[in-house]
Amino acid sequence: MISIYQPTSADALGLLNAANLPTADLTEAHFNYFWAATDGRLPVGIVGLEPFAPYGLLRSLVVSPARRNQGIGTHLVKHVETMAHQLNISELYLLTVTAQEFFEEFDFQPISRDSAPAAIRKTWEFSGLCPVSSLLMKKNLRKNK
């Protein structure tokens, strides 16, 4: 059984560094918006959110290699979307080099980097940490009425 909890910054950094994901910009305040999945013993996945309501940047989704393809990433994406709703985020963005197909399963769509809102463009992840070859993806979290 997988459960979600708020990890310590050390646990979060351990998973992020093991996956070679960018961490240079992370402060303690960032970890208020990180969630980890655990199997009851160890953290096996992590995801982060940078909120700039009505926008949010999904960042740093990683699942331990031995636990991939077991639904943990799906569980984490759904959790971050729930948290984004609670934070009045209506548009969720992310940058990826390798996971386009995975995020398309959650209705994220590739968009031009030029179309990102200023709040997203100003993040260090967007402007400096991720390569310019990273794909920007967007999901509208508002329910169509």
N, C-alpha and C. Protein backbone atom coordinates (compact mmCIF):
# COMPACT_ATOMS: atom_id res chain seq x y z
N MET A 1 0.85 -1.19 0.00
CA MET A 1 0.00 0.00 0.00
C MET A 1 0.88 1.24 0.00
N ILE A 2 0.60 2.14 -0.90
CA ILE A 2 1.36 3.38 -1.01
C ILE A 2 0.62 4.48 -0.28
N SER A 3 1.35 5.25 0.51
CA SER A 3 0.76 6.42 1.16
C SER A 3 1.61 7.65 0.81
N ILE A 4 0.97 8.80 0.91
CA ILE A 4 1.61 10.07 0.58
C ILE A 4 1.83 10.84 1.87
N TYR A 5 3.00 11.46 1.98
CA TYR A 5 3.32 12.27 3.16
C TYR A 5 4.23 13.40 2.73
N GLN A 6 4.42 14.35 3.63
CA GLN A 6 5.34 15.45 3.37
C GLN A 6 6.72 15.04 3.89
N PRO A 7 7.68 14.90 2.97
CA PRO A 7 9.00 14.40 3.38
C PRO A 7 9.85 15.48 4.03
N THR A 8 10.88 15.04 4.71
CA THR A 8 11.89 15.98 5.17
C THR A 8 12.66 16.47 3.94
N SER A 9 13.31 17.61 4.06
CA SER A 9 14.10 18.10 2.94
C SER A 9 15.22 17.12 2.61
N ALA A 10 15.78 16.44 3.60
CA ALA A 10 16.85 15.46 3.36
C ALA A 10 16.33 14.28 2.53
N ASP A 11 15.14 13.77 2.87
CA ASP A 11 14.57 12.67 2.09
C ASP A 11 14.28 13.12 0.66
N ALA A 12 13.72 14.32 0.52
CA ALA A 12 13.40 14.83 -0.81
C ALA A 12 14.67 15.01 -1.63
N LEU A 13 15.67 15.63 -1.06
CA LEU A 13 16.93 15.85 -1.78
C LEU A 13 17.61 14.53 -2.14
N GLY A 14 17.49 13.54 -1.28
CA GLY A 14 18.07 12.23 -1.59
C GLY A 14 17.49 11.64 -2.86
N LEU A 15 16.17 11.67 -2.99
CA LEU A 15 15.53 11.14 -4.19
C LEU A 15 15.84 11.99 -5.41
N LEU A 16 15.78 13.30 -5.25
CA LEU A 16 16.04 14.20 -6.38
C LEU A 16 17.47 14.08 -6.88
N ASN A 17 18.41 14.06 -5.97
CA ASN A 17 19.82 13.94 -6.36
C ASN A 17 20.11 12.59 -7.00
N ALA A 18 19.49 11.52 -6.49
CA ALA A 18 19.70 10.19 -7.07
C ALA A 18 19.21 10.14 -8.52
N ALA A 19 18.21 10.96 -8.84
CA ALA A 19 17.66 10.99 -10.20
C ALA A 19 18.29 12.10 -11.06
N ASN A 20 19.30 12.79 -10.50
CA ASN A 20 19.97 13.88 -11.21
C ASN A 20 19.01 14.99 -11.62
N LEU A 21 18.00 15.25 -10.80
CA LEU A 21 17.07 16.35 -11.06
C LEU A 21 17.61 17.63 -10.41
N PRO A 22 17.27 18.78 -10.97
CA PRO A 22 17.80 20.03 -10.44
C PRO A 22 17.30 20.34 -9.04
N THR A 23 18.25 20.76 -8.19
CA THR A 23 17.90 21.11 -6.81
C THR A 23 18.54 22.41 -6.36
N ALA A 24 19.35 23.04 -7.21
CA ALA A 24 20.13 24.20 -6.82
C ALA A 24 19.27 25.35 -6.31
N ASP A 25 18.04 25.46 -6.78
CA ASP A 25 17.18 26.57 -6.38
C ASP A 25 16.29 26.27 -5.19
N LEU A 26 16.29 25.05 -4.71
CA LEU A 26 15.34 24.67 -3.66
C LEU A 26 15.74 25.23 -2.30
N THR A 27 14.76 25.85 -1.64
CA THR A 27 14.94 26.35 -0.29
C THR A 27 14.02 25.54 0.62
N GLU A 28 14.15 25.73 1.91
CA GLU A 28 13.27 25.02 2.84
C GLU A 28 11.81 25.32 2.54
N ALA A 29 11.50 26.54 2.11
CA ALA A 29 10.11 26.90 1.80
C ALA A 29 9.56 26.05 0.66
N HIS A 30 10.39 25.68 -0.30
CA HIS A 30 9.92 24.83 -1.40
C HIS A 30 9.40 23.49 -0.89
N PHE A 31 10.02 22.98 0.16
CA PHE A 31 9.65 21.64 0.63
C PHE A 31 8.28 21.61 1.31
N ASN A 32 7.68 22.77 1.53
CA ASN A 32 6.29 22.80 2.00
C ASN A 32 5.34 22.28 0.93
N TYR A 33 5.81 22.24 -0.32
CA TYR A 33 4.99 21.82 -1.45
C TYR A 33 5.61 20.61 -2.15
N PHE A 34 6.24 19.76 -1.40
CA PHE A 34 6.74 18.47 -1.91
C PHE A 34 6.03 17.36 -1.16
N TRP A 35 5.72 16.30 -1.90
CA TRP A 35 5.07 15.14 -1.31
C TRP A 35 5.79 13.89 -1.77
N ALA A 36 5.89 12.94 -0.86
CA ALA A 36 6.58 11.69 -1.17
C ALA A 36 5.61 10.53 -1.06
N ALA A 37 5.89 9.50 -1.81
CA ALA A 37 5.15 8.24 -1.70
C ALA A 37 6.04 7.28 -0.94
N THR A 38 5.43 6.51 -0.06
CA THR A 38 6.18 5.52 0.69
C THR A 38 5.46 4.18 0.65
N ASP A 39 6.23 3.15 0.74
CA ASP A 39 5.66 1.81 0.84
C ASP A 39 5.59 1.37 2.31
N GLY A 40 5.78 2.32 3.21
CA GLY A 40 5.76 2.03 4.63
C GLY A 40 7.14 1.94 5.24
N ARG A 41 8.15 1.82 4.40
CA ARG A 41 9.51 1.73 4.90
C ARG A 41 10.37 2.90 4.45
N LEU A 42 10.39 3.14 3.14
CA LEU A 42 11.25 4.16 2.56
C LEU A 42 10.46 5.03 1.60
N PRO A 43 10.93 6.27 1.37
CA PRO A 43 10.30 7.05 0.30
C PRO A 43 10.67 6.41 -1.04
N VAL A 44 9.68 6.21 -1.90
CA VAL A 44 9.92 5.55 -3.19
C VAL A 44 9.61 6.48 -4.37
N GLY A 45 9.11 7.67 -4.08
CA GLY A 45 8.81 8.63 -5.13
C GLY A 45 8.57 9.99 -4.51
N ILE A 46 8.68 11.01 -5.36
CA ILE A 46 8.49 12.37 -4.87
C ILE A 46 7.97 13.25 -6.00
N VAL A 47 7.25 14.28 -5.62
CA VAL A 47 6.79 15.29 -6.58
C VAL A 47 6.73 16.63 -5.85
N GLY A 48 6.96 17.69 -6.61
CA GLY A 48 6.91 19.03 -6.04
C GLY A 48 5.98 19.92 -6.84
N LEU A 49 5.60 21.01 -6.21
CA LEU A 49 4.72 22.00 -6.83
C LEU A 49 5.21 23.38 -6.41
N GLU A 50 5.36 24.26 -7.38
CA GLU A 50 5.61 25.67 -7.08
C GLU A 50 4.33 26.42 -7.40
N PRO A 51 3.63 26.90 -6.38
CA PRO A 51 2.36 27.59 -6.61
C PRO A 51 2.54 29.09 -6.86
N PHE A 52 1.87 29.56 -7.89
CA PHE A 52 1.81 30.98 -8.24
C PHE A 52 0.37 31.25 -8.70
N ALA A 53 -0.60 30.92 -7.87
CA ALA A 53 -2.00 30.94 -8.27
C ALA A 53 -2.31 32.17 -9.13
N PRO A 54 -2.95 31.94 -10.25
CA PRO A 54 -3.66 30.74 -10.70
C PRO A 54 -2.79 29.74 -11.46
N TYR A 55 -1.45 29.91 -11.40
CA TYR A 55 -0.55 29.01 -12.11
C TYR A 55 0.24 28.18 -11.10
N GLY A 56 0.70 27.04 -11.58
CA GLY A 56 1.56 26.21 -10.76
C GLY A 56 2.56 25.49 -11.65
N LEU A 57 3.72 25.20 -11.10
CA LEU A 57 4.76 24.47 -11.81
C LEU A 57 4.96 23.13 -11.12
N LEU A 58 4.58 22.06 -11.80
CA LEU A 58 4.85 20.72 -11.30
C LEU A 58 6.32 20.47 -11.54
N ARG A 59 7.01 20.08 -10.50
CA ARG A 59 8.44 19.87 -10.68
C ARG A 59 8.91 18.64 -9.93
N SER A 60 9.93 18.05 -10.49
CA SER A 60 10.70 17.03 -9.80
C SER A 60 9.94 15.75 -9.51
N LEU A 61 9.15 15.27 -10.44
CA LEU A 61 8.52 13.96 -10.25
C LEU A 61 9.57 12.89 -10.49
N VAL A 62 9.76 12.05 -9.51
CA VAL A 62 10.71 10.94 -9.65
C VAL A 62 10.19 9.75 -8.84
N VAL A 63 10.39 8.58 -9.40
CA VAL A 63 10.09 7.32 -8.71
C VAL A 63 11.37 6.50 -8.72
N SER A 64 11.68 5.88 -7.60
CA SER A 64 12.88 5.04 -7.52
C SER A 64 12.85 4.01 -8.64
N PRO A 65 13.99 3.79 -9.31
CA PRO A 65 14.01 2.87 -10.46
C PRO A 65 13.40 1.49 -10.17
N ALA A 66 13.64 0.94 -9.00
CA ALA A 66 13.11 -0.40 -8.67
C ALA A 66 11.60 -0.40 -8.48
N ARG A 67 10.99 0.77 -8.34
CA ARG A 67 9.55 0.85 -8.09
C ARG A 67 8.77 1.46 -9.24
N ARG A 68 9.40 1.64 -10.38
CA ARG A 68 8.71 2.21 -11.53
C ARG A 68 7.72 1.21 -12.13
N ASN A 69 6.75 1.74 -12.87
CA ASN A 69 5.71 0.95 -13.53
C ASN A 69 4.84 0.19 -12.54
N GLN A 70 4.64 0.79 -11.36
CA GLN A 70 3.77 0.21 -10.34
C GLN A 70 2.67 1.18 -9.92
N GLY A 71 2.51 2.27 -10.69
CA GLY A 71 1.44 3.22 -10.40
C GLY A 71 1.82 4.32 -9.42
N ILE A 72 3.05 4.34 -8.96
CA ILE A 72 3.46 5.35 -7.96
C ILE A 72 3.49 6.73 -8.60
N GLY A 73 4.04 6.85 -9.80
CA GLY A 73 4.07 8.14 -10.49
C GLY A 73 2.66 8.67 -10.72
N THR A 74 1.76 7.79 -11.12
CA THR A 74 0.36 8.17 -11.33
C THR A 74 -0.24 8.69 -10.03
N HIS A 75 0.00 7.99 -8.95
CA HIS A 75 -0.50 8.39 -7.64
C HIS A 75 0.01 9.78 -7.26
N LEU A 76 1.30 10.03 -7.52
CA LEU A 76 1.89 11.33 -7.18
C LEU A 76 1.34 12.45 -8.05
N VAL A 77 1.15 12.20 -9.35
CA VAL A 77 0.60 13.24 -10.23
C VAL A 77 -0.83 13.58 -9.78
N LYS A 78 -1.63 12.58 -9.49
CA LYS A 78 -3.00 12.84 -9.05
C LYS A 78 -3.00 13.62 -7.73
N HIS A 79 -2.07 13.30 -6.85
CA HIS A 79 -2.00 14.02 -5.57
C HIS A 79 -1.63 15.49 -5.79
N VAL A 80 -0.63 15.75 -6.64
CA VAL A 80 -0.23 17.14 -6.87
C VAL A 80 -1.35 17.92 -7.56
N GLU A 81 -2.12 17.27 -8.42
CA GLU A 81 -3.26 17.95 -9.03
C GLU A 81 -4.31 18.30 -7.98
N THR A 82 -4.56 17.40 -7.04
CA THR A 82 -5.50 17.68 -5.96
C THR A 82 -5.02 18.85 -5.12
N MET A 83 -3.74 18.86 -4.80
CA MET A 83 -3.19 19.96 -4.01
C MET A 83 -3.25 21.28 -4.79
N ALA A 84 -3.01 21.21 -6.09
CA ALA A 84 -3.09 22.41 -6.92
C ALA A 84 -4.50 22.99 -6.88
N HIS A 85 -5.51 22.13 -6.97
CA HIS A 85 -6.90 22.60 -6.88
C HIS A 85 -7.12 23.33 -5.55
N GLN A 86 -6.61 22.75 -4.47
CA GLN A 86 -6.79 23.36 -3.15
C GLN A 86 -6.09 24.71 -3.04
N LEU A 87 -5.06 24.91 -3.84
CA LEU A 87 -4.30 26.17 -3.83
C LEU A 87 -4.79 27.15 -4.90
N ASN A 88 -5.98 26.87 -5.46
CA ASN A 88 -6.60 27.73 -6.48
C ASN A 88 -5.75 27.87 -7.74
N ILE A 89 -5.07 26.79 -8.09
CA ILE A 89 -4.28 26.76 -9.32
C ILE A 89 -5.18 26.19 -10.41
N SER A 90 -5.29 26.93 -11.50
CA SER A 90 -6.14 26.47 -12.60
C SER A 90 -5.34 26.02 -13.81
N GLU A 91 -4.06 26.39 -13.87
CA GLU A 91 -3.20 25.96 -14.97
C GLU A 91 -1.91 25.41 -14.38
N LEU A 92 -1.62 24.16 -14.72
CA LEU A 92 -0.44 23.49 -14.19
C LEU A 92 0.54 23.28 -15.34
N TYR A 93 1.79 23.68 -15.12
CA TYR A 93 2.84 23.60 -16.12
C TYR A 93 3.93 22.65 -15.63
N LEU A 94 4.71 22.13 -16.57
CA LEU A 94 5.88 21.34 -16.22
C LEU A 94 6.87 21.39 -17.37
N LEU A 95 8.11 21.09 -17.05
CA LEU A 95 9.18 20.98 -18.04
C LEU A 95 9.69 19.54 -18.01
N THR A 96 9.89 18.96 -19.17
CA THR A 96 10.40 17.59 -19.22
C THR A 96 11.31 17.42 -20.43
N VAL A 97 12.25 16.52 -20.27
CA VAL A 97 13.11 16.11 -21.38
C VAL A 97 12.74 14.71 -21.82
N THR A 98 12.28 13.88 -20.88
CA THR A 98 12.10 12.45 -21.17
C THR A 98 10.71 11.89 -20.92
N ALA A 99 9.80 12.66 -20.35
CA ALA A 99 8.54 12.07 -19.88
C ALA A 99 7.29 12.61 -20.58
N GLN A 100 7.43 13.09 -21.80
CA GLN A 100 6.27 13.66 -22.50
C GLN A 100 5.11 12.69 -22.57
N GLU A 101 5.36 11.47 -22.99
CA GLU A 101 4.27 10.49 -23.15
C GLU A 101 3.59 10.19 -21.82
N PHE A 102 4.36 10.10 -20.74
CA PHE A 102 3.78 9.85 -19.43
C PHE A 102 2.81 10.97 -19.06
N PHE A 103 3.23 12.22 -19.22
CA PHE A 103 2.38 13.34 -18.83
C PHE A 103 1.20 13.54 -19.78
N GLU A 104 1.34 13.14 -21.02
CA GLU A 104 0.21 13.22 -21.94
C GLU A 104 -0.93 12.32 -21.47
N GLU A 105 -0.62 11.26 -20.75
CA GLU A 105 -1.66 10.38 -20.19
C GLU A 105 -2.55 11.12 -19.19
N PHE A 106 -2.05 12.23 -18.65
CA PHE A 106 -2.80 13.04 -17.68
C PHE A 106 -3.34 14.32 -18.31
N ASP A 107 -3.38 14.35 -19.64
CA ASP A 107 -3.91 15.48 -20.40
C ASP A 107 -3.03 16.72 -20.38
N PHE A 108 -1.75 16.56 -20.09
CA PHE A 108 -0.81 17.66 -20.30
C PHE A 108 -0.52 17.73 -21.79
N GLN A 109 -0.46 18.96 -22.30
CA GLN A 109 -0.21 19.17 -23.73
C GLN A 109 1.05 20.01 -23.92
N PRO A 110 1.88 19.65 -24.90
CA PRO A 110 3.05 20.47 -25.20
C PRO A 110 2.62 21.86 -25.68
N ILE A 111 3.32 22.87 -25.22
CA ILE A 111 3.06 24.24 -25.66
C ILE A 111 4.40 24.94 -25.90
N SER A 112 4.35 26.05 -26.58
CA SER A 112 5.54 26.86 -26.83
C SER A 112 6.03 27.45 -25.51
N ARG A 113 7.33 27.43 -25.30
CA ARG A 113 7.89 28.05 -24.10
C ARG A 113 7.54 29.54 -24.04
N ASP A 114 7.40 30.17 -25.20
CA ASP A 114 7.05 31.59 -25.24
C ASP A 114 5.66 31.88 -24.70
N SER A 115 4.80 30.87 -24.65
CA SER A 115 3.43 31.09 -24.19
C SER A 115 3.27 30.90 -22.68
N ALA A 116 4.34 30.58 -21.99
CA ALA A 116 4.27 30.41 -20.53
C ALA A 116 3.97 31.74 -19.86
N PRO A 117 3.15 31.74 -18.82
CA PRO A 117 2.89 32.98 -18.09
C PRO A 117 4.18 33.48 -17.43
N ALA A 118 4.23 34.77 -17.18
CA ALA A 118 5.42 35.39 -16.59
C ALA A 118 5.84 34.72 -15.29
N ALA A 119 4.88 34.33 -14.46
CA ALA A 119 5.21 33.71 -13.17
C ALA A 119 6.00 32.41 -13.38
N ILE A 120 5.68 31.66 -14.40
CA ILE A 120 6.40 30.42 -14.70
C ILE A 120 7.75 30.74 -15.33
N ARG A 121 7.77 31.68 -16.25
CA ARG A 121 9.03 32.05 -16.92
C ARG A 121 10.06 32.58 -15.93
N LYS A 122 9.60 33.19 -14.84
CA LYS A 122 10.52 33.78 -13.86
C LYS A 122 11.12 32.75 -12.91
N THR A 123 10.63 31.52 -12.91
CA THR A 123 11.20 30.52 -12.01
C THR A 123 12.60 30.16 -12.46
N TRP A 124 13.42 29.82 -11.50
CA TRP A 124 14.79 29.43 -11.82
C TRP A 124 14.79 28.12 -12.60
N GLU A 125 13.84 27.25 -12.33
CA GLU A 125 13.76 25.99 -13.09
C GLU A 125 13.54 26.27 -14.57
N PHE A 126 12.64 27.19 -14.88
CA PHE A 126 12.34 27.52 -16.28
C PHE A 126 13.49 28.28 -16.93
N SER A 127 14.01 29.29 -16.22
CA SER A 127 14.97 30.20 -16.84
C SER A 127 16.42 29.76 -16.76
N GLY A 128 16.73 28.81 -15.87
CA GLY A 128 18.14 28.47 -15.74
C GLY A 128 18.48 27.01 -15.51
N LEU A 129 17.66 26.31 -14.75
CA LEU A 129 18.03 24.94 -14.40
C LEU A 129 17.76 23.93 -15.50
N CYS A 130 16.62 24.03 -16.13
CA CYS A 130 16.26 23.07 -17.18
C CYS A 130 16.81 23.56 -18.52
N PRO A 131 17.31 22.65 -19.32
CA PRO A 131 17.85 23.08 -20.62
C PRO A 131 16.75 23.67 -21.50
N VAL A 132 17.15 24.56 -22.39
CA VAL A 132 16.18 25.18 -23.28
C VAL A 132 15.53 24.15 -24.20
N SER A 133 16.14 22.98 -24.31
CA SER A 133 15.53 21.91 -25.11
C SER A 133 14.40 21.21 -24.36
N SER A 134 14.20 21.53 -23.08
CA SER A 134 13.12 20.93 -22.31
C SER A 134 11.78 21.32 -22.92
N LEU A 135 10.87 20.37 -22.93
CA LEU A 135 9.53 20.60 -23.44
C LEU A 135 8.67 21.18 -22.33
N LEU A 136 7.96 22.27 -22.64
CA LEU A 136 7.00 22.84 -21.70
C LEU A 136 5.65 22.22 -21.98
N MET A 137 4.98 21.78 -20.91
CA MET A 137 3.66 21.18 -21.04
C MET A 137 2.71 21.88 -20.08
N LYS A 138 1.43 21.88 -20.45
CA LYS A 138 0.40 22.59 -19.69
C LYS A 138 -0.83 21.72 -19.57
N LYS A 139 -1.47 21.84 -18.41
CA LYS A 139 -2.78 21.21 -18.20
C LYS A 139 -3.71 22.24 -17.57
N ASN A 140 -4.89 22.37 -18.15
CA ASN A 140 -5.92 23.23 -17.58
C ASN A 140 -6.66 22.40 -16.54
N LEU A 141 -6.63 22.85 -15.30
CA LEU A 141 -7.27 22.10 -14.21
C LEU A 141 -8.73 22.47 -14.00
N ARG A 142 -9.19 23.51 -14.68
CA ARG A 142 -10.61 23.88 -14.55
C ARG A 142 -11.45 22.82 -15.21
N LYS A 143 -12.53 22.52 -14.57
CA LYS A 143 -13.49 21.58 -15.16
C LYS A 143 -14.30 22.32 -16.20
N ASN A 144 -14.48 21.70 -17.35
CA ASN A 144 -15.33 22.29 -18.39
C ASN A 144 -16.78 22.20 -17.94
N LYS A 145 -17.48 23.30 -18.07
CA LYS A 145 -18.89 23.30 -17.63
C LYS A 145 -19.79 23.46 -18.82
